[in-house]
Amino acid sequence: MNWSGVMPAITTPFDEDLQVDHAFMIKHAQWLLEKGCTGIVALGSLGEAPTLAFDEKVAILKSMVTAAEGRSPVVAAISSLSTAESVALAKAAADTGCSGLMVLPPYVYRSDWRETRAHMGAIFDATPLSCMLYNNPVAYGTDFVPEQIHELAAAHANLHAVKESSTDVRRVAAIRAIDDKRLKIFVGVDDAIVEAISVGATGWVAGLVNALPVESVALFNYAMEGRAKEAFEIYRWFLPLLRLDTVPKFIQLIKLVQQELGVGSARVRAPRLELAGEELKATQKLIRDAMNSRPAIAG
């Protein structure tokens, strides 16, 4: 498992009956990989995992493994209300041929450190797959501080990466200071990618990449190569769209960008509803304005 580069937190497409559209999802994943993405992360928050039944999750993982054709890694996001279900999904991910796991703390229940450590450890130990710890205290209410991350890495040899989504890029430097280079650090907040790379991040689990992979990969590569002028030219243009990844309706917003650009549908499962009224019009205008000044990038 090579934890590096731009890995889309792929959206889950639905047909008119709100069933998973596997045919489109396979084509979409292949398109993202063709445009330079280094892997696919399925069943994440952007993938509307809480609305998916267990069997639907397994079927999606199978489709993503089919799409990757062994050429790129497929990472399964592991999240649920219970440790038992998370362990079961981790084992199913291994059985389907996934290359890695992105492991979340329990949904809803805000466990203390003893409980969180036991939950995460049970998932890490469930398979030999390489694992990424997902830290998103804003969304999940559980915050893995750098010292706790180091403790987990010391106890579990297959914990190889961290997706840091605390919105504080200082965390990247803090993790690096404790762990040096053992753990690969990914950013999970779209509008912090350039800043995070400057202090040691080497990967991006990205959202807007679902609609704009060429721009996302170019931005990441320029930042990694230290080409500040080129990076900031794209970043300045991209930021209004990247900020759509940082608000509660990020799923509806990113899926709308996909629809407006002809690379997906805005359909979402309840309790989410598609944007409407002035909110829809304002977002469509933001997208149009961005597309009218879209930079010319080969690819």
Protein backbone atom coordinates (compact mmCIF):
# COMPACT_ATOMS: atom_id res chain seq x y z
CA MET A 1 0.00 0.00 0.00
CA ASN A 2 1.53 3.28 -1.13
CA TRP A 3 0.09 6.08 0.99
CA SER A 4 0.80 9.10 -1.19
CA GLY A 5 -0.72 11.41 -3.77
CA VAL A 6 -4.32 12.46 -4.36
CA MET A 7 -6.91 9.88 -3.36
CA PRO A 8 -10.55 10.86 -3.93
CA ALA A 9 -13.05 10.32 -1.17
CA ILE A 10 -15.31 9.09 -3.92
CA THR A 11 -18.98 10.07 -3.90
CA THR A 12 -21.64 7.36 -4.09
CA PRO A 13 -23.83 7.85 -7.17
CA PHE A 14 -27.53 7.00 -7.00
CA ASP A 15 -29.97 6.26 -9.79
CA GLU A 16 -33.49 7.71 -10.00
CA ASP A 17 -34.67 5.17 -7.42
CA LEU A 18 -31.82 6.16 -5.09
CA GLN A 19 -30.12 2.81 -5.53
CA VAL A 20 -26.34 2.69 -5.94
CA ASP A 21 -25.40 3.19 -9.59
CA HIS A 22 -22.51 0.73 -9.79
CA ALA A 23 -21.96 1.11 -13.54
CA PHE A 24 -21.46 4.86 -13.24
CA MET A 25 -19.35 4.51 -10.10
CA ILE A 26 -16.93 2.16 -11.84
CA LYS A 27 -16.56 4.53 -14.81
CA HIS A 28 -16.16 7.50 -12.47
CA ALA A 29 -13.42 5.79 -10.45
CA GLN A 30 -11.57 4.81 -13.63
CA TRP A 31 -11.80 8.39 -14.92
CA LEU A 32 -10.32 9.73 -11.67
CA LEU A 33 -7.45 7.26 -11.84
CA GLU A 34 -6.80 8.10 -15.50
CA LYS A 35 -6.51 11.77 -14.52
CA GLY A 36 -3.67 11.08 -12.09
CA CYS A 37 -5.29 10.09 -8.81
CA THR A 38 -3.28 7.48 -6.93
CA GLY A 39 -6.10 5.47 -5.36
CA ILE A 40 -9.76 5.45 -4.40
CA VAL A 41 -11.20 5.88 -0.90
CA ALA A 42 -14.73 4.48 -0.76
CA LEU A 43 -17.45 4.60 1.92
CA GLY A 44 -16.25 7.79 3.53
CA SER A 45 -18.37 10.64 4.80
CA LEU A 46 -18.54 12.09 1.28
CA GLY A 47 -19.67 8.65 0.14
CA GLU A 48 -22.72 8.92 2.41
CA ALA A 49 -21.67 5.80 4.33
CA PRO A 50 -24.24 6.22 7.14
CA THR A 51 -27.05 5.85 4.58
CA LEU A 52 -25.64 2.62 3.13
CA ALA A 53 -26.57 -0.86 4.35
CA PHE A 54 -23.76 -3.28 5.12
CA ASP A 55 -24.36 -5.30 1.94
CA GLU A 56 -24.38 -2.11 -0.14
CA LYS A 57 -20.99 -1.18 1.31
CA VAL A 58 -19.50 -4.54 0.40
CA ALA A 59 -20.95 -4.31 -3.12
CA ILE A 60 -19.40 -0.85 -3.56
CA LEU A 61 -16.01 -2.13 -2.47
CA LYS A 62 -16.26 -4.94 -5.01
CA SER A 63 -17.09 -2.42 -7.73
CA MET A 64 -14.13 -0.24 -6.79
CA VAL A 65 -11.74 -3.19 -6.85
CA THR A 66 -13.11 -4.02 -10.30
CA ALA A 67 -12.57 -0.42 -11.41
CA ALA A 68 -8.98 -0.30 -10.16
CA GLU A 69 -8.08 -3.55 -11.94
CA GLY A 70 -5.16 -4.12 -9.57
CA ARG A 71 -3.33 -1.03 -10.82
CA SER A 72 -4.28 1.33 -8.00
CA PRO A 73 -5.18 0.79 -4.34
CA VAL A 74 -8.73 0.78 -3.06
CA VAL A 75 -9.15 1.98 0.51
CA ALA A 76 -12.27 1.13 2.49
CA ALA A 77 -13.46 3.66 5.04
CA ILE A 78 -14.49 1.77 8.18
CA SER A 79 -17.19 3.43 10.26
CA SER A 80 -20.23 2.29 12.17
CA LEU A 81 -22.10 2.61 15.44
CA SER A 82 -20.48 -0.52 16.89
CA THR A 83 -17.04 -2.03 17.07
CA ALA A 84 -18.40 -5.41 15.97
CA GLU A 85 -19.81 -4.02 12.72
CA SER A 86 -16.62 -2.08 12.02
CA VAL A 87 -14.55 -5.25 12.47
CA ALA A 88 -16.93 -7.17 10.19
CA LEU A 89 -16.63 -4.50 7.49
CA ALA A 90 -12.84 -4.47 7.79
CA LYS A 91 -12.75 -8.22 7.22
CA ALA A 92 -15.15 -7.93 4.29
CA ALA A 93 -12.93 -5.22 2.77
CA ALA A 94 -9.96 -7.57 2.95
CA ASP A 95 -11.98 -10.35 1.36
CA THR A 96 -13.02 -8.12 -1.57
CA GLY A 97 -9.41 -7.27 -2.40
CA CYS A 98 -9.05 -3.79 -0.88
CA SER A 99 -5.48 -2.61 -0.27
CA GLY A 100 -6.05 -0.56 2.84
CA LEU A 101 -8.47 0.74 5.45
CA MET A 102 -9.31 4.27 6.57
CA VAL A 103 -10.45 3.79 10.16
CA LEU A 104 -12.85 6.14 11.94
CA PRO A 105 -13.85 6.35 15.61
CA PRO A 106 -17.38 5.20 16.49
CA TYR A 107 -20.21 7.24 15.04
CA VAL A 108 -22.36 9.23 17.49
CA TYR A 109 -20.85 7.91 20.74
CA ARG A 110 -18.06 10.14 21.99
CA SER A 111 -15.85 7.57 23.65
CA ASP A 112 -13.06 8.32 26.08
CA TRP A 113 -9.47 7.43 25.21
CA ARG A 114 -9.58 3.94 26.76
CA GLU A 115 -12.69 3.11 24.72
CA THR A 116 -11.44 4.78 21.55
CA ARG A 117 -8.11 2.97 21.77
CA ALA A 118 -9.89 -0.38 22.14
CA HIS A 119 -12.23 0.35 19.21
CA MET A 120 -9.46 1.41 16.85
CA GLY A 121 -7.20 -1.41 17.96
CA ALA A 122 -9.87 -4.03 17.29
CA ILE A 123 -10.19 -2.80 13.69
CA PHE A 124 -6.44 -2.53 13.11
CA ASP A 125 -6.02 -6.09 14.40
CA ALA A 126 -8.91 -7.52 12.37
CA THR A 127 -6.88 -7.77 9.14
CA PRO A 128 -3.27 -7.41 8.01
CA LEU A 129 -4.28 -4.54 5.70
CA SER A 130 -2.39 -1.27 5.89
CA CYS A 131 -4.42 1.29 7.85
CA MET A 132 -4.95 5.03 7.92
CA LEU A 133 -6.36 6.66 11.05
CA TYR A 134 -8.95 9.32 10.27
CA ASN A 135 -8.95 12.24 12.69
CA ASN A 136 -11.88 14.61 12.22
CA PRO A 137 -12.88 16.06 15.60
CA VAL A 138 -15.11 18.68 13.98
CA ALA A 139 -17.40 16.06 12.46
CA TYR A 140 -17.10 13.15 14.89
CA GLY A 141 -16.39 14.75 18.27
CA THR A 142 -13.36 12.54 18.89
CA ASP A 143 -9.95 14.16 18.67
CA PHE A 144 -6.79 12.07 18.32
CA VAL A 145 -3.97 14.26 19.59
CA PRO A 146 -0.47 13.55 18.23
CA GLU A 147 0.61 11.66 21.36
CA GLN A 148 -2.37 9.30 21.07
CA ILE A 149 -1.67 8.72 17.39
CA HIS A 150 1.91 7.82 18.27
CA GLU A 151 0.66 5.42 20.95
CA LEU A 152 -1.57 3.63 18.46
CA ALA A 153 1.20 3.46 15.86
CA ALA A 154 3.57 1.94 18.40
CA ALA A 155 1.00 -0.74 19.30
CA HIS A 156 -0.16 -1.60 15.78
CA ALA A 157 2.42 -2.27 13.09
CA ASN A 158 -0.10 -1.94 10.26
CA LEU A 159 -1.03 1.66 11.13
CA HIS A 160 0.88 3.49 8.42
CA ALA A 161 -0.93 6.77 7.79
CA VAL A 162 -3.08 9.52 9.28
CA LYS A 163 -5.79 11.55 7.60
CA GLU A 164 -5.63 14.80 9.55
CA SER A 165 -8.85 16.81 9.30
CA SER A 166 -8.78 18.87 12.47
CA THR A 167 -8.54 22.00 10.24
CA ASP A 168 -5.36 22.96 12.17
CA VAL A 169 -2.31 22.45 9.92
CA ARG A 170 -0.11 22.76 13.01
CA ARG A 171 -1.23 19.22 13.80
CA VAL A 172 0.66 17.97 10.75
CA ALA A 173 3.90 19.42 12.06
CA ALA A 174 3.14 18.12 15.56
CA ILE A 175 2.58 14.56 14.34
CA ARG A 176 5.73 14.75 12.24
CA ALA A 177 7.74 16.04 15.23
CA ILE A 178 6.73 13.04 17.35
CA ASP A 179 6.73 10.35 14.69
CA ASP A 180 9.25 11.68 12.17
CA LYS A 181 8.61 9.78 8.92
CA ARG A 182 7.02 6.50 10.03
CA LEU A 183 3.47 7.70 9.43
CA LYS A 184 2.37 9.21 6.14
CA ILE A 185 0.18 12.24 6.72
CA PHE A 186 -2.77 13.00 4.48
CA VAL A 187 -4.93 16.11 4.57
CA GLY A 188 -8.70 15.68 4.56
CA VAL A 189 -9.68 19.36 4.40
CA ASP A 190 -9.61 20.62 0.82
CA ASP A 191 -8.82 24.25 1.55
CA ALA A 192 -5.77 23.47 3.71
CA ILE A 193 -3.82 21.29 1.29
CA VAL A 194 -1.06 23.70 0.28
CA GLU A 195 -0.40 24.83 3.84
CA ALA A 196 -0.32 21.23 5.10
CA ILE A 197 2.13 20.11 2.42
CA SER A 198 4.46 22.90 3.48
CA VAL A 199 4.74 21.34 6.96
CA GLY A 200 5.05 17.71 5.97
CA ALA A 201 1.86 16.25 4.50
CA THR A 202 2.44 13.90 1.57
CA GLY A 203 -1.11 12.95 0.60
CA TRP A 204 -4.60 14.33 0.11
CA VAL A 205 -7.92 12.55 0.60
CA ALA A 206 -9.79 15.05 -1.55
CA GLY A 207 -13.40 16.01 -2.17
CA LEU A 208 -13.64 18.42 -5.11
CA VAL A 209 -11.39 16.06 -7.04
CA ASN A 210 -14.60 14.15 -7.83
CA ALA A 211 -15.44 16.94 -10.26
CA LEU A 212 -12.04 18.47 -10.98
CA PRO A 213 -9.30 15.82 -10.91
CA VAL A 214 -6.92 17.56 -13.32
CA GLU A 215 -6.83 20.74 -11.26
CA SER A 216 -6.59 18.82 -7.98
CA VAL A 217 -3.66 16.68 -9.11
CA ALA A 218 -1.85 19.67 -10.61
CA LEU A 219 -2.30 21.68 -7.40
CA PHE A 220 -1.00 18.82 -5.28
CA ASN A 221 1.98 18.12 -7.51
CA TYR A 222 3.02 21.77 -7.75
CA ALA A 223 2.85 22.12 -3.97
CA MET A 224 4.84 18.92 -3.42
CA GLU A 225 7.49 20.05 -5.93
CA GLY A 226 7.86 23.45 -4.24
CA ARG A 227 6.59 25.29 -7.32
CA ALA A 228 4.90 27.98 -5.27
CA LYS A 229 3.96 30.33 -8.12
CA GLU A 230 2.15 27.63 -10.11
CA ALA A 231 0.55 26.18 -6.99
CA PHE A 232 -0.87 29.48 -5.78
CA GLU A 233 -2.20 30.41 -9.20
CA ILE A 234 -4.37 27.29 -9.13
CA TYR A 235 -5.08 27.57 -5.40
CA ARG A 236 -6.33 31.16 -5.69
CA TRP A 237 -8.77 30.11 -8.42
CA PHE A 238 -9.76 26.86 -6.70
CA LEU A 239 -10.37 28.09 -3.13
CA PRO A 240 -14.04 29.16 -3.50
CA LEU A 241 -14.82 25.62 -4.68
CA LEU A 242 -12.51 23.89 -2.19
CA ARG A 243 -14.29 25.66 0.65
CA LEU A 244 -17.47 23.80 -0.28
CA ASP A 245 -15.79 20.79 1.35
CA THR A 246 -15.76 22.48 4.77
CA VAL A 247 -19.45 23.06 5.55
CA PRO A 248 -22.25 20.73 6.76
CA LYS A 249 -23.79 20.36 3.28
CA PHE A 250 -20.48 19.43 1.66
CA ILE A 251 -21.97 16.28 0.14
CA GLN A 252 -24.82 18.11 -1.60
CA LEU A 253 -22.44 20.86 -2.71
CA ILE A 254 -19.76 18.61 -4.16
CA LYS A 255 -22.33 16.42 -5.90
CA LEU A 256 -23.86 19.57 -7.39
CA VAL A 257 -20.46 20.59 -8.77
CA GLN A 258 -20.22 17.14 -10.36
CA GLN A 259 -23.66 17.56 -11.92
CA GLU A 260 -22.98 21.06 -13.20
CA LEU A 261 -19.77 19.83 -14.85
CA GLY A 262 -21.46 16.76 -16.32
CA VAL A 263 -19.52 14.19 -14.28
CA GLY A 264 -22.17 13.02 -11.85
CA SER A 265 -25.56 13.57 -10.30
CA ALA A 266 -26.70 15.74 -7.41
CA ARG A 267 -28.88 12.95 -5.98
CA VAL A 268 -28.41 12.28 -2.26
CA ARG A 269 -30.13 10.01 0.22
CA ALA A 270 -32.28 11.33 3.06
CA PRO A 271 -32.00 12.86 5.52
CA ARG A 272 -30.00 14.99 3.12
CA LEU A 273 -31.94 16.77 0.40
CA GLU A 274 -30.66 18.34 -2.78
CA LEU A 275 -30.08 22.07 -2.65
CA ALA A 276 -33.03 24.28 -3.54
CA GLY A 277 -34.08 27.91 -3.85
CA GLU A 278 -31.58 30.69 -3.28
CA GLU A 279 -29.01 28.28 -1.87
CA LEU A 280 -29.04 26.35 -5.14
CA LYS A 281 -28.89 29.50 -7.28
CA ALA A 282 -25.99 30.94 -5.27
CA THR A 283 -23.98 27.73 -5.54
CA GLN A 284 -24.67 27.42 -9.27
CA LYS A 285 -23.44 31.00 -9.73
CA LEU A 286 -20.28 30.23 -7.75
CA ILE A 287 -19.64 27.23 -9.98
CA ARG A 288 -20.32 29.18 -13.19
CA ASP A 289 -18.02 32.00 -12.09
CA ALA A 290 -15.26 29.50 -11.37
CA MET A 291 -15.69 27.75 -14.69
CA ASN A 292 -15.56 31.05 -16.54
CA SER A 293 -12.04 31.60 -15.21
CA ARG A 294 -10.93 27.95 -15.16
CA PRO A 295 -7.17 27.70 -15.70
CA ALA A 296 -5.82 25.85 -18.71
CA ILE A 297 -4.05 22.73 -17.44
CA ALA A 298 -2.94 19.86 -19.64
CA GLY A 299 -4.76 16.61 -18.92
